[in-house]
ModelCIF file with pLDDT and N, C-alpha, C, O atoms, coordinates in Angstrom:
data_MODEL
#
_entry.id   MODEL 
#
_entity.id                         1 
_entity.type                       polymer 
_entity.pdbx_number_of_molecules   1 
#
_entity_poly.entity_id                      1 
_entity_poly.type                           'polypeptide(L)' 
_entity_poly.nstd_linkage                   no 
_entity_poly.nstd_monomer                   no 
_entity_poly.pdbx_seq_one_letter_code       AGTLVAIRPEVTIDVALYWHQWKLGSGIDAPADDGAANARPGLMEQI 
_entity_poly.pdbx_seq_one_letter_code_can   AGTLVAIRPEVTIDVALYWHQWKLGSGIDAPADDGAANARPGLMEQI 
_entity_poly.pdbx_strand_id                 A 
#
loop_
_entity_poly_seq.entity_id 
_entity_poly_seq.num 
_entity_poly_seq.mon_id 
_entity_poly_seq.hetero 
1 1  ALA n 
1 2  GLY n 
1 3  THR n 
1 4  LEU n 
1 5  VAL n 
1 6  ALA n 
1 7  ILE n 
1 8  ARG n 
1 9  PRO n 
1 10 GLU n 
1 11 VAL n 
1 12 THR n 
1 13 ILE n 
1 14 ASP n 
1 15 VAL n 
1 16 ALA n 
1 17 LEU n 
1 18 TYR n 
1 19 TRP n 
1 20 HIS n 
1 21 GLN n 
1 22 TRP n 
1 23 LYS n 
1 24 LEU n 
1 25 GLY n 
1 26 SER n 
1 27 GLY n 
1 28 ILE n 
1 29 ASP n 
1 30 ALA n 
1 31 PRO n 
1 32 ALA n 
1 33 ASP n 
1 34 ASP n 
1 35 GLY n 
1 36 ALA n 
1 37 ALA n 
1 38 ASN n 
1 39 ALA n 
1 40 ARG n 
1 41 PRO n 
1 42 GLY n 
1 43 LEU n 
1 44 MET n 
1 45 GLU n 
1 46 GLN n 
1 47 ILE n 
#
_struct_asym.id          A 
_struct_asym.entity_id   1 
#
loop_
_ma_qa_metric.id 
_ma_qa_metric.mode 
_ma_qa_metric.name 
_ma_qa_metric.software_group_id 
_ma_qa_metric.type 
1 global pLDDT . pLDDT 
2 local  pLDDT . pLDDT 
#
_ma_qa_metric_global.metric_id      1 
_ma_qa_metric_global.metric_value   76.57 
_ma_qa_metric_global.model_id       1 
_ma_qa_metric_global.ordinal_id     1 
#
loop_
_ma_qa_metric_local.label_asym_id 
_ma_qa_metric_local.label_comp_id 
_ma_qa_metric_local.label_seq_id 
_ma_qa_metric_local.metric_id 
_ma_qa_metric_local.metric_value 
_ma_qa_metric_local.model_id 
_ma_qa_metric_local.ordinal_id 
A ALA 1  2 98.00 1 1  
A GLY 2  2 98.00 1 2  
A THR 3  2 98.00 1 3  
A LEU 4  2 98.00 1 4  
A VAL 5  2 98.00 1 5  
A ALA 6  2 97.00 1 6  
A ILE 7  2 97.00 1 7  
A ARG 8  2 96.00 1 8  
A PRO 9  2 95.00 1 9  
A GLU 10 2 96.00 1 10 
A VAL 11 2 97.00 1 11 
A THR 12 2 98.00 1 12 
A ILE 13 2 97.00 1 13 
A ASP 14 2 97.00 1 14 
A VAL 15 2 97.00 1 15 
A ALA 16 2 97.00 1 16 
A LEU 17 2 97.00 1 17 
A TYR 18 2 97.00 1 18 
A TRP 19 2 97.00 1 19 
A HIS 20 2 97.00 1 20 
A GLN 21 2 94.00 1 21 
A TRP 22 2 88.00 1 22 
A LYS 23 2 83.00 1 23 
A LEU 24 2 72.00 1 24 
A GLY 25 2 53.00 1 25 
A SER 26 2 42.00 1 26 
A GLY 27 2 39.00 1 27 
A ILE 28 2 33.00 1 28 
A ASP 29 2 34.00 1 29 
A ALA 30 2 35.00 1 30 
A PRO 31 2 37.00 1 31 
A ALA 32 2 40.00 1 32 
A ASP 33 2 43.00 1 33 
A ASP 34 2 47.00 1 34 
A GLY 35 2 47.00 1 35 
A ALA 36 2 45.00 1 36 
A ALA 37 2 46.00 1 37 
A ASN 38 2 51.00 1 38 
A ALA 39 2 55.00 1 39 
A ARG 40 2 63.00 1 40 
A PRO 41 2 74.00 1 41 
A GLY 42 2 84.00 1 42 
A LEU 43 2 87.00 1 43 
A MET 44 2 89.00 1 44 
A GLU 45 2 91.00 1 45 
A GLN 46 2 92.00 1 46 
A ILE 47 2 93.00 1 47 
#
loop_
_atom_site.group_PDB 
_atom_site.id 
_atom_site.type_symbol 
_atom_site.label_atom_id 
_atom_site.label_alt_id 
_atom_site.label_comp_id 
_atom_site.label_asym_id 
_atom_site.label_entity_id 
_atom_site.label_seq_id 
_atom_site.pdbx_PDB_ins_code 
_atom_site.Cartn_x 
_atom_site.Cartn_y 
_atom_site.Cartn_z 
_atom_site.occupancy 
_atom_site.B_iso_or_equiv 
_atom_site.pdbx_formal_charge 
_atom_site.auth_seq_id 
_atom_site.auth_comp_id 
_atom_site.auth_asym_id 
_atom_site.auth_atom_id 
_atom_site.pdbx_PDB_model_num 
ATOM 1   N N  . ALA A 1 1  ? 110.745 81.919 70.720  1.00 98.00 ? 1  ALA A N  1 
ATOM 2   C CA . ALA A 1 1  ? 111.569 81.033 69.376  1.00 98.00 ? 1  ALA A CA 1 
ATOM 3   C C  . ALA A 1 1  ? 110.462 81.431 68.222  1.00 98.00 ? 1  ALA A C  1 
ATOM 4   O O  . ALA A 1 1  ? 110.611 81.600 67.012  1.00 98.00 ? 1  ALA A O  1 
ATOM 5   N N  . GLY A 1 2  ? 109.002 81.538 69.273  1.00 98.00 ? 2  GLY A N  1 
ATOM 6   C CA . GLY A 1 2  ? 108.254 81.400 67.104  1.00 98.00 ? 2  GLY A CA 1 
ATOM 7   C C  . GLY A 1 2  ? 107.901 80.465 67.192  1.00 98.00 ? 2  GLY A C  1 
ATOM 8   O O  . GLY A 1 2  ? 107.308 80.281 66.129  1.00 98.00 ? 2  GLY A O  1 
ATOM 9   N N  . THR A 1 3  ? 107.738 78.778 68.326  1.00 98.00 ? 3  THR A N  1 
ATOM 10  C CA . THR A 1 3  ? 106.964 77.372 68.051  1.00 98.00 ? 3  THR A CA 1 
ATOM 11  C C  . THR A 1 3  ? 105.368 78.018 68.571  1.00 98.00 ? 3  THR A C  1 
ATOM 12  O O  . THR A 1 3  ? 104.247 77.668 68.200  1.00 98.00 ? 3  THR A O  1 
ATOM 13  N N  . LEU A 1 4  ? 105.796 79.143 69.618  1.00 98.00 ? 4  LEU A N  1 
ATOM 14  C CA . LEU A 1 4  ? 104.748 78.827 70.179  1.00 98.00 ? 4  LEU A CA 1 
ATOM 15  C C  . LEU A 1 4  ? 104.002 80.354 70.158  1.00 98.00 ? 4  LEU A C  1 
ATOM 16  O O  . LEU A 1 4  ? 104.599 81.392 70.443  1.00 98.00 ? 4  LEU A O  1 
ATOM 17  N N  . VAL A 1 5  ? 102.651 80.279 69.782  1.00 98.00 ? 5  VAL A N  1 
ATOM 18  C CA . VAL A 1 5  ? 102.240 82.191 69.743  1.00 98.00 ? 5  VAL A CA 1 
ATOM 19  C C  . VAL A 1 5  ? 101.058 82.286 71.297  1.00 98.00 ? 5  VAL A C  1 
ATOM 20  O O  . VAL A 1 5  ? 100.589 81.245 71.755  1.00 98.00 ? 5  VAL A O  1 
ATOM 21  N N  . ALA A 1 6  ? 100.762 83.537 71.866  1.00 97.00 ? 6  ALA A N  1 
ATOM 22  C CA . ALA A 1 6  ? 100.070 83.535 72.239  1.00 97.00 ? 6  ALA A CA 1 
ATOM 23  C C  . ALA A 1 6  ? 98.607  84.266 71.992  1.00 97.00 ? 6  ALA A C  1 
ATOM 24  O O  . ALA A 1 6  ? 98.403  85.292 71.342  1.00 97.00 ? 6  ALA A O  1 
ATOM 25  N N  . ILE A 1 7  ? 97.635  83.434 72.707  1.00 97.00 ? 7  ILE A N  1 
ATOM 26  C CA . ILE A 1 7  ? 95.522  83.330 72.118  1.00 97.00 ? 7  ILE A CA 1 
ATOM 27  C C  . ILE A 1 7  ? 95.428  84.560 73.670  1.00 97.00 ? 7  ILE A C  1 
ATOM 28  O O  . ILE A 1 7  ? 95.893  84.585 74.809  1.00 97.00 ? 7  ILE A O  1 
ATOM 29  N N  . ARG A 1 8  ? 94.913  85.064 73.175  1.00 96.00 ? 8  ARG A N  1 
ATOM 30  C CA . ARG A 1 8  ? 94.441  86.635 73.357  1.00 96.00 ? 8  ARG A CA 1 
ATOM 31  C C  . ARG A 1 8  ? 95.154  86.499 74.334  1.00 96.00 ? 8  ARG A C  1 
ATOM 32  O O  . ARG A 1 8  ? 94.830  85.697 75.210  1.00 96.00 ? 8  ARG A O  1 
ATOM 33  N N  . PRO A 1 9  ? 96.586  87.433 74.450  1.00 95.00 ? 9  PRO A N  1 
ATOM 34  C CA . PRO A 1 9  ? 97.377  87.646 75.675  1.00 95.00 ? 9  PRO A CA 1 
ATOM 35  C C  . PRO A 1 9  ? 96.843  88.206 76.774  1.00 95.00 ? 9  PRO A C  1 
ATOM 36  O O  . PRO A 1 9  ? 97.070  88.055 77.975  1.00 95.00 ? 9  PRO A O  1 
ATOM 37  N N  . GLU A 1 10 ? 95.849  89.098 75.966  1.00 96.00 ? 10 GLU A N  1 
ATOM 38  C CA . GLU A 1 10 ? 95.562  90.568 77.392  1.00 96.00 ? 10 GLU A CA 1 
ATOM 39  C C  . GLU A 1 10 ? 94.511  89.719 78.410  1.00 96.00 ? 10 GLU A C  1 
ATOM 40  O O  . GLU A 1 10 ? 93.966  90.340 79.322  1.00 96.00 ? 10 GLU A O  1 
ATOM 41  N N  . VAL A 1 11 ? 94.197  88.008 78.187  1.00 97.00 ? 11 VAL A N  1 
ATOM 42  C CA . VAL A 1 11 ? 93.688  87.886 79.564  1.00 97.00 ? 11 VAL A CA 1 
ATOM 43  C C  . VAL A 1 11 ? 94.485  86.495 79.730  1.00 97.00 ? 11 VAL A C  1 
ATOM 44  O O  . VAL A 1 11 ? 94.924  85.561 79.059  1.00 97.00 ? 11 VAL A O  1 
ATOM 45  N N  . THR A 1 12 ? 94.358  87.115 81.492  1.00 98.00 ? 12 THR A N  1 
ATOM 46  C CA . THR A 1 12 ? 95.640  85.930 81.983  1.00 98.00 ? 12 THR A CA 1 
ATOM 47  C C  . THR A 1 12 ? 95.687  85.890 83.580  1.00 98.00 ? 12 THR A C  1 
ATOM 48  O O  . THR A 1 12 ? 95.067  86.784 84.158  1.00 98.00 ? 12 THR A O  1 
ATOM 49  N N  . ILE A 1 13 ? 96.383  84.911 84.371  1.00 97.00 ? 13 ILE A N  1 
ATOM 50  C CA . ILE A 1 13 ? 95.319  84.317 84.874  1.00 97.00 ? 13 ILE A CA 1 
ATOM 51  C C  . ILE A 1 13 ? 96.485  84.711 86.193  1.00 97.00 ? 13 ILE A C  1 
ATOM 52  O O  . ILE A 1 13 ? 97.612  84.397 85.810  1.00 97.00 ? 13 ILE A O  1 
ATOM 53  N N  . ASP A 1 14 ? 96.496  85.071 87.057  1.00 97.00 ? 14 ASP A N  1 
ATOM 54  C CA . ASP A 1 14 ? 98.004  85.555 88.050  1.00 97.00 ? 14 ASP A CA 1 
ATOM 55  C C  . ASP A 1 14 ? 97.874  84.329 88.997  1.00 97.00 ? 14 ASP A C  1 
ATOM 56  O O  . ASP A 1 14 ? 98.023  83.421 88.180  1.00 97.00 ? 14 ASP A O  1 
ATOM 57  N N  . VAL A 1 15 ? 97.785  84.038 89.577  1.00 97.00 ? 15 VAL A N  1 
ATOM 58  C CA . VAL A 1 15 ? 98.515  82.159 90.739  1.00 97.00 ? 15 VAL A CA 1 
ATOM 59  C C  . VAL A 1 15 ? 99.021  82.896 92.129  1.00 97.00 ? 15 VAL A C  1 
ATOM 60  O O  . VAL A 1 15 ? 100.184 82.998 92.519  1.00 97.00 ? 15 VAL A O  1 
ATOM 61  N N  . ALA A 1 16 ? 98.452  83.125 92.430  1.00 97.00 ? 16 ALA A N  1 
ATOM 62  C CA . ALA A 1 16 ? 99.241  83.402 93.735  1.00 97.00 ? 16 ALA A CA 1 
ATOM 63  C C  . ALA A 1 16 ? 99.696  82.263 94.773  1.00 97.00 ? 16 ALA A C  1 
ATOM 64  O O  . ALA A 1 16 ? 98.839  81.565 95.315  1.00 97.00 ? 16 ALA A O  1 
ATOM 65  N N  . LEU A 1 17 ? 100.949 82.106 95.017  1.00 97.00 ? 17 LEU A N  1 
ATOM 66  C CA . LEU A 1 17 ? 101.767 81.071 95.779  1.00 97.00 ? 17 LEU A CA 1 
ATOM 67  C C  . LEU A 1 17 ? 102.377 81.765 97.055  1.00 97.00 ? 17 LEU A C  1 
ATOM 68  O O  . LEU A 1 17 ? 102.856 82.884 97.238  1.00 97.00 ? 17 LEU A O  1 
ATOM 69  N N  . TYR A 1 18 ? 102.156 80.567 97.946  1.00 97.00 ? 18 TYR A N  1 
ATOM 70  C CA . TYR A 1 18 ? 103.117 80.677 99.597  1.00 97.00 ? 18 TYR A CA 1 
ATOM 71  C C  . TYR A 1 18 ? 103.674 79.501 99.611  1.00 97.00 ? 18 TYR A C  1 
ATOM 72  O O  . TYR A 1 18 ? 103.198 78.546 98.997  1.00 97.00 ? 18 TYR A O  1 
ATOM 73  N N  . TRP A 1 19 ? 105.110 79.424 100.557 1.00 97.00 ? 19 TRP A N  1 
ATOM 74  C CA . TRP A 1 19 ? 105.649 78.882 101.278 1.00 97.00 ? 19 TRP A CA 1 
ATOM 75  C C  . TRP A 1 19 ? 104.843 78.479 102.833 1.00 97.00 ? 19 TRP A C  1 
ATOM 76  O O  . TRP A 1 19 ? 104.196 79.199 103.594 1.00 97.00 ? 19 TRP A O  1 
ATOM 77  N N  . HIS A 1 20 ? 105.109 77.393 102.888 1.00 97.00 ? 20 HIS A N  1 
ATOM 78  C CA . HIS A 1 20 ? 104.727 77.361 104.233 1.00 97.00 ? 20 HIS A CA 1 
ATOM 79  C C  . HIS A 1 20 ? 105.435 75.764 104.771 1.00 97.00 ? 20 HIS A C  1 
ATOM 80  O O  . HIS A 1 20 ? 105.727 74.747 104.143 1.00 97.00 ? 20 HIS A O  1 
ATOM 81  N N  . GLN A 1 21 ? 105.504 76.044 105.853 1.00 94.00 ? 21 GLN A N  1 
ATOM 82  C CA . GLN A 1 21 ? 106.313 75.207 106.722 1.00 94.00 ? 21 GLN A CA 1 
ATOM 83  C C  . GLN A 1 21 ? 106.528 74.381 108.598 1.00 94.00 ? 21 GLN A C  1 
ATOM 84  O O  . GLN A 1 21 ? 106.935 74.793 109.684 1.00 94.00 ? 21 GLN A O  1 
ATOM 85  N N  . TRP A 1 22 ? 106.207 73.622 108.285 1.00 88.00 ? 22 TRP A N  1 
ATOM 86  C CA . TRP A 1 22 ? 106.625 73.779 110.351 1.00 88.00 ? 22 TRP A CA 1 
ATOM 87  C C  . TRP A 1 22 ? 107.935 74.248 110.946 1.00 88.00 ? 22 TRP A C  1 
ATOM 88  O O  . TRP A 1 22 ? 109.059 73.999 110.509 1.00 88.00 ? 22 TRP A O  1 
ATOM 89  N N  . LYS A 1 23 ? 107.549 75.120 112.239 1.00 83.00 ? 23 LYS A N  1 
ATOM 90  C CA . LYS A 1 23 ? 108.171 75.559 112.746 1.00 83.00 ? 23 LYS A CA 1 
ATOM 91  C C  . LYS A 1 23 ? 109.039 74.669 113.751 1.00 83.00 ? 23 LYS A C  1 
ATOM 92  O O  . LYS A 1 23 ? 108.607 74.251 114.825 1.00 83.00 ? 23 LYS A O  1 
ATOM 93  N N  . LEU A 1 24 ? 110.644 74.379 113.128 1.00 72.00 ? 24 LEU A N  1 
ATOM 94  C CA . LEU A 1 24 ? 111.125 73.642 113.670 1.00 72.00 ? 24 LEU A CA 1 
ATOM 95  C C  . LEU A 1 24 ? 113.024 74.349 114.700 1.00 72.00 ? 24 LEU A C  1 
ATOM 96  O O  . LEU A 1 24 ? 114.119 73.818 114.882 1.00 72.00 ? 24 LEU A O  1 
ATOM 97  N N  . GLY A 1 25 ? 112.215 76.189 115.199 1.00 53.00 ? 25 GLY A N  1 
ATOM 98  C CA . GLY A 1 25 ? 113.058 77.205 116.010 1.00 53.00 ? 25 GLY A CA 1 
ATOM 99  C C  . GLY A 1 25 ? 113.750 77.269 114.625 1.00 53.00 ? 25 GLY A C  1 
ATOM 100 O O  . GLY A 1 25 ? 113.362 76.778 113.566 1.00 53.00 ? 25 GLY A O  1 
ATOM 101 N N  . SER A 1 26 ? 114.948 78.043 114.901 1.00 42.00 ? 26 SER A N  1 
ATOM 102 C CA . SER A 1 26 ? 116.441 78.637 114.379 1.00 42.00 ? 26 SER A CA 1 
ATOM 103 C C  . SER A 1 26 ? 117.371 77.625 114.244 1.00 42.00 ? 26 SER A C  1 
ATOM 104 O O  . SER A 1 26 ? 118.455 78.098 113.903 1.00 42.00 ? 26 SER A O  1 
ATOM 105 N N  . GLY A 1 27 ? 117.394 76.170 114.399 1.00 39.00 ? 27 GLY A N  1 
ATOM 106 C CA . GLY A 1 27 ? 119.251 75.612 114.537 1.00 39.00 ? 27 GLY A CA 1 
ATOM 107 C C  . GLY A 1 27 ? 119.583 75.429 116.261 1.00 39.00 ? 27 GLY A C  1 
ATOM 108 O O  . GLY A 1 27 ? 119.022 75.392 117.357 1.00 39.00 ? 27 GLY A O  1 
ATOM 109 N N  . ILE A 1 28 ? 120.504 75.375 115.809 1.00 33.00 ? 28 ILE A N  1 
ATOM 110 C CA . ILE A 1 28 ? 121.384 74.535 116.857 1.00 33.00 ? 28 ILE A CA 1 
ATOM 111 C C  . ILE A 1 28 ? 121.683 76.050 117.563 1.00 33.00 ? 28 ILE A C  1 
ATOM 112 O O  . ILE A 1 28 ? 121.918 77.026 116.851 1.00 33.00 ? 28 ILE A O  1 
ATOM 113 N N  . ASP A 1 29 ? 121.645 76.138 119.101 1.00 34.00 ? 29 ASP A N  1 
ATOM 114 C CA . ASP A 1 29 ? 121.912 77.772 119.369 1.00 34.00 ? 29 ASP A CA 1 
ATOM 115 C C  . ASP A 1 29 ? 123.086 77.917 119.769 1.00 34.00 ? 29 ASP A C  1 
ATOM 116 O O  . ASP A 1 29 ? 123.751 77.202 120.519 1.00 34.00 ? 29 ASP A O  1 
ATOM 117 N N  . ALA A 1 30 ? 123.398 79.088 119.128 1.00 35.00 ? 30 ALA A N  1 
ATOM 118 C CA . ALA A 1 30 ? 125.172 80.476 119.863 1.00 35.00 ? 30 ALA A CA 1 
ATOM 119 C C  . ALA A 1 30 ? 125.112 80.191 121.062 1.00 35.00 ? 30 ALA A C  1 
ATOM 120 O O  . ALA A 1 30 ? 124.211 80.369 121.881 1.00 35.00 ? 30 ALA A O  1 
ATOM 121 N N  . PRO A 1 31 ? 126.432 79.590 121.178 1.00 37.00 ? 31 PRO A N  1 
ATOM 122 C CA . PRO A 1 31 ? 126.617 80.206 122.712 1.00 37.00 ? 31 PRO A CA 1 
ATOM 123 C C  . PRO A 1 31 ? 126.291 80.988 122.836 1.00 37.00 ? 31 PRO A C  1 
ATOM 124 O O  . PRO A 1 31 ? 126.152 81.747 121.877 1.00 37.00 ? 31 PRO A O  1 
ATOM 125 N N  . ALA A 1 32 ? 125.830 81.466 124.501 1.00 40.00 ? 32 ALA A N  1 
ATOM 126 C CA . ALA A 1 32 ? 125.183 82.617 124.794 1.00 40.00 ? 32 ALA A CA 1 
ATOM 127 C C  . ALA A 1 32 ? 125.576 84.046 124.773 1.00 40.00 ? 32 ALA A C  1 
ATOM 128 O O  . ALA A 1 32 ? 124.932 85.092 124.690 1.00 40.00 ? 32 ALA A O  1 
ATOM 129 N N  . ASP A 1 33 ? 127.350 83.647 124.914 1.00 43.00 ? 33 ASP A N  1 
ATOM 130 C CA . ASP A 1 33 ? 128.283 85.707 124.630 1.00 43.00 ? 33 ASP A CA 1 
ATOM 131 C C  . ASP A 1 33 ? 128.314 85.704 123.307 1.00 43.00 ? 33 ASP A C  1 
ATOM 132 O O  . ASP A 1 33 ? 129.074 86.586 122.909 1.00 43.00 ? 33 ASP A O  1 
ATOM 133 N N  . ASP A 1 34 ? 127.482 84.682 121.854 1.00 47.00 ? 34 ASP A N  1 
ATOM 134 C CA . ASP A 1 34 ? 128.605 85.758 120.783 1.00 47.00 ? 34 ASP A CA 1 
ATOM 135 C C  . ASP A 1 34 ? 126.570 85.827 120.424 1.00 47.00 ? 34 ASP A C  1 
ATOM 136 O O  . ASP A 1 34 ? 126.184 86.332 119.370 1.00 47.00 ? 34 ASP A O  1 
ATOM 137 N N  . GLY A 1 35 ? 125.464 85.212 121.537 1.00 47.00 ? 35 GLY A N  1 
ATOM 138 C CA . GLY A 1 35 ? 124.597 86.010 120.485 1.00 47.00 ? 35 GLY A CA 1 
ATOM 139 C C  . GLY A 1 35 ? 123.360 85.275 120.179 1.00 47.00 ? 35 GLY A C  1 
ATOM 140 O O  . GLY A 1 35 ? 123.590 84.184 120.701 1.00 47.00 ? 35 GLY A O  1 
ATOM 141 N N  . ALA A 1 36 ? 122.858 85.243 119.954 1.00 45.00 ? 36 ALA A N  1 
ATOM 142 C CA . ALA A 1 36 ? 121.517 84.322 119.741 1.00 45.00 ? 36 ALA A CA 1 
ATOM 143 C C  . ALA A 1 36 ? 121.351 84.426 117.718 1.00 45.00 ? 36 ALA A C  1 
ATOM 144 O O  . ALA A 1 36 ? 120.870 83.573 116.973 1.00 45.00 ? 36 ALA A O  1 
ATOM 145 N N  . ALA A 1 37 ? 121.825 85.501 117.431 1.00 46.00 ? 37 ALA A N  1 
ATOM 146 C CA . ALA A 1 37 ? 121.485 85.948 115.995 1.00 46.00 ? 37 ALA A CA 1 
ATOM 147 C C  . ALA A 1 37 ? 123.031 85.757 114.511 1.00 46.00 ? 37 ALA A C  1 
ATOM 148 O O  . ALA A 1 37 ? 123.370 85.951 113.344 1.00 46.00 ? 37 ALA A O  1 
ATOM 149 N N  . ASN A 1 38 ? 123.445 85.160 116.060 1.00 51.00 ? 38 ASN A N  1 
ATOM 150 C CA . ASN A 1 38 ? 124.766 84.756 115.318 1.00 51.00 ? 38 ASN A CA 1 
ATOM 151 C C  . ASN A 1 38 ? 124.548 82.614 115.209 1.00 51.00 ? 38 ASN A C  1 
ATOM 152 O O  . ASN A 1 38 ? 125.417 81.824 114.840 1.00 51.00 ? 38 ASN A O  1 
ATOM 153 N N  . ALA A 1 39 ? 123.541 82.382 115.538 1.00 55.00 ? 39 ALA A N  1 
ATOM 154 C CA . ALA A 1 39 ? 123.656 81.214 115.280 1.00 55.00 ? 39 ALA A CA 1 
ATOM 155 C C  . ALA A 1 39 ? 122.860 80.432 113.848 1.00 55.00 ? 39 ALA A C  1 
ATOM 156 O O  . ALA A 1 39 ? 121.941 81.091 113.362 1.00 55.00 ? 39 ALA A O  1 
ATOM 157 N N  . ARG A 1 40 ? 123.113 79.375 113.328 1.00 63.00 ? 40 ARG A N  1 
ATOM 158 C CA . ARG A 1 40 ? 123.546 78.577 112.273 1.00 63.00 ? 40 ARG A CA 1 
ATOM 159 C C  . ARG A 1 40 ? 121.242 79.126 111.969 1.00 63.00 ? 40 ARG A C  1 
ATOM 160 O O  . ARG A 1 40 ? 120.273 79.352 112.693 1.00 63.00 ? 40 ARG A O  1 
ATOM 161 N N  . PRO A 1 41 ? 121.485 79.077 110.793 1.00 74.00 ? 41 PRO A N  1 
ATOM 162 C CA . PRO A 1 41 ? 119.517 78.405 110.730 1.00 74.00 ? 41 PRO A CA 1 
ATOM 163 C C  . PRO A 1 41 ? 119.417 77.147 110.569 1.00 74.00 ? 41 PRO A C  1 
ATOM 164 O O  . PRO A 1 41 ? 120.458 76.496 110.477 1.00 74.00 ? 41 PRO A O  1 
ATOM 165 N N  . GLY A 1 42 ? 118.348 76.597 110.506 1.00 84.00 ? 42 GLY A N  1 
ATOM 166 C CA . GLY A 1 42 ? 117.917 75.251 110.628 1.00 84.00 ? 42 GLY A CA 1 
ATOM 167 C C  . GLY A 1 42 ? 117.985 74.735 109.445 1.00 84.00 ? 42 GLY A C  1 
ATOM 168 O O  . GLY A 1 42 ? 117.636 75.724 108.801 1.00 84.00 ? 42 GLY A O  1 
ATOM 169 N N  . LEU A 1 43 ? 118.211 73.761 108.513 1.00 87.00 ? 43 LEU A N  1 
ATOM 170 C CA . LEU A 1 43 ? 118.265 73.418 107.253 1.00 87.00 ? 43 LEU A CA 1 
ATOM 171 C C  . LEU A 1 43 ? 116.715 73.488 106.720 1.00 87.00 ? 43 LEU A C  1 
ATOM 172 O O  . LEU A 1 43 ? 116.439 73.601 105.525 1.00 87.00 ? 43 LEU A O  1 
ATOM 173 N N  . MET A 1 44 ? 115.588 73.391 107.935 1.00 89.00 ? 44 MET A N  1 
ATOM 174 C CA . MET A 1 44 ? 114.360 74.097 106.774 1.00 89.00 ? 44 MET A CA 1 
ATOM 175 C C  . MET A 1 44 ? 114.302 75.685 106.958 1.00 89.00 ? 44 MET A C  1 
ATOM 176 O O  . MET A 1 44 ? 113.523 76.216 106.168 1.00 89.00 ? 44 MET A O  1 
ATOM 177 N N  . GLU A 1 45 ? 114.897 76.473 107.749 1.00 91.00 ? 45 GLU A N  1 
ATOM 178 C CA . GLU A 1 45 ? 115.213 77.648 107.644 1.00 91.00 ? 45 GLU A CA 1 
ATOM 179 C C  . GLU A 1 45 ? 115.852 78.325 105.844 1.00 91.00 ? 45 GLU A C  1 
ATOM 180 O O  . GLU A 1 45 ? 115.788 79.153 104.936 1.00 91.00 ? 45 GLU A O  1 
ATOM 181 N N  . GLN A 1 46 ? 116.382 77.222 106.374 1.00 92.00 ? 46 GLN A N  1 
ATOM 182 C CA . GLN A 1 46 ? 117.517 77.496 104.994 1.00 92.00 ? 46 GLN A CA 1 
ATOM 183 C C  . GLN A 1 46 ? 116.627 77.173 104.091 1.00 92.00 ? 46 GLN A C  1 
ATOM 184 O O  . GLN A 1 46 ? 116.337 78.219 103.511 1.00 92.00 ? 46 GLN A O  1 
ATOM 185 N N  . ILE A 1 47 ? 115.910 76.111 103.561 1.00 93.00 ? 47 ILE A N  1 
ATOM 186 C CA . ILE A 1 47 ? 115.209 76.260 102.433 1.00 93.00 ? 47 ILE A CA 1 
ATOM 187 C C  . ILE A 1 47 ? 114.129 77.063 102.267 1.00 93.00 ? 47 ILE A C  1 
ATOM 188 O O  . ILE A 1 47 ? 113.562 77.118 101.176 1.00 93.00 ? 47 ILE A O  1 
#
């Protein structure tokens, strides 16, 4: 929009970010005959 201008645009800082979470398992397990892969992910896993 032209309301800001870059100063020394060749100078940048790139900050690496990471997601951390407690291991809580993978939600309520599906029945054995359905296969564990069908278990619904837990809320923290979804987040």
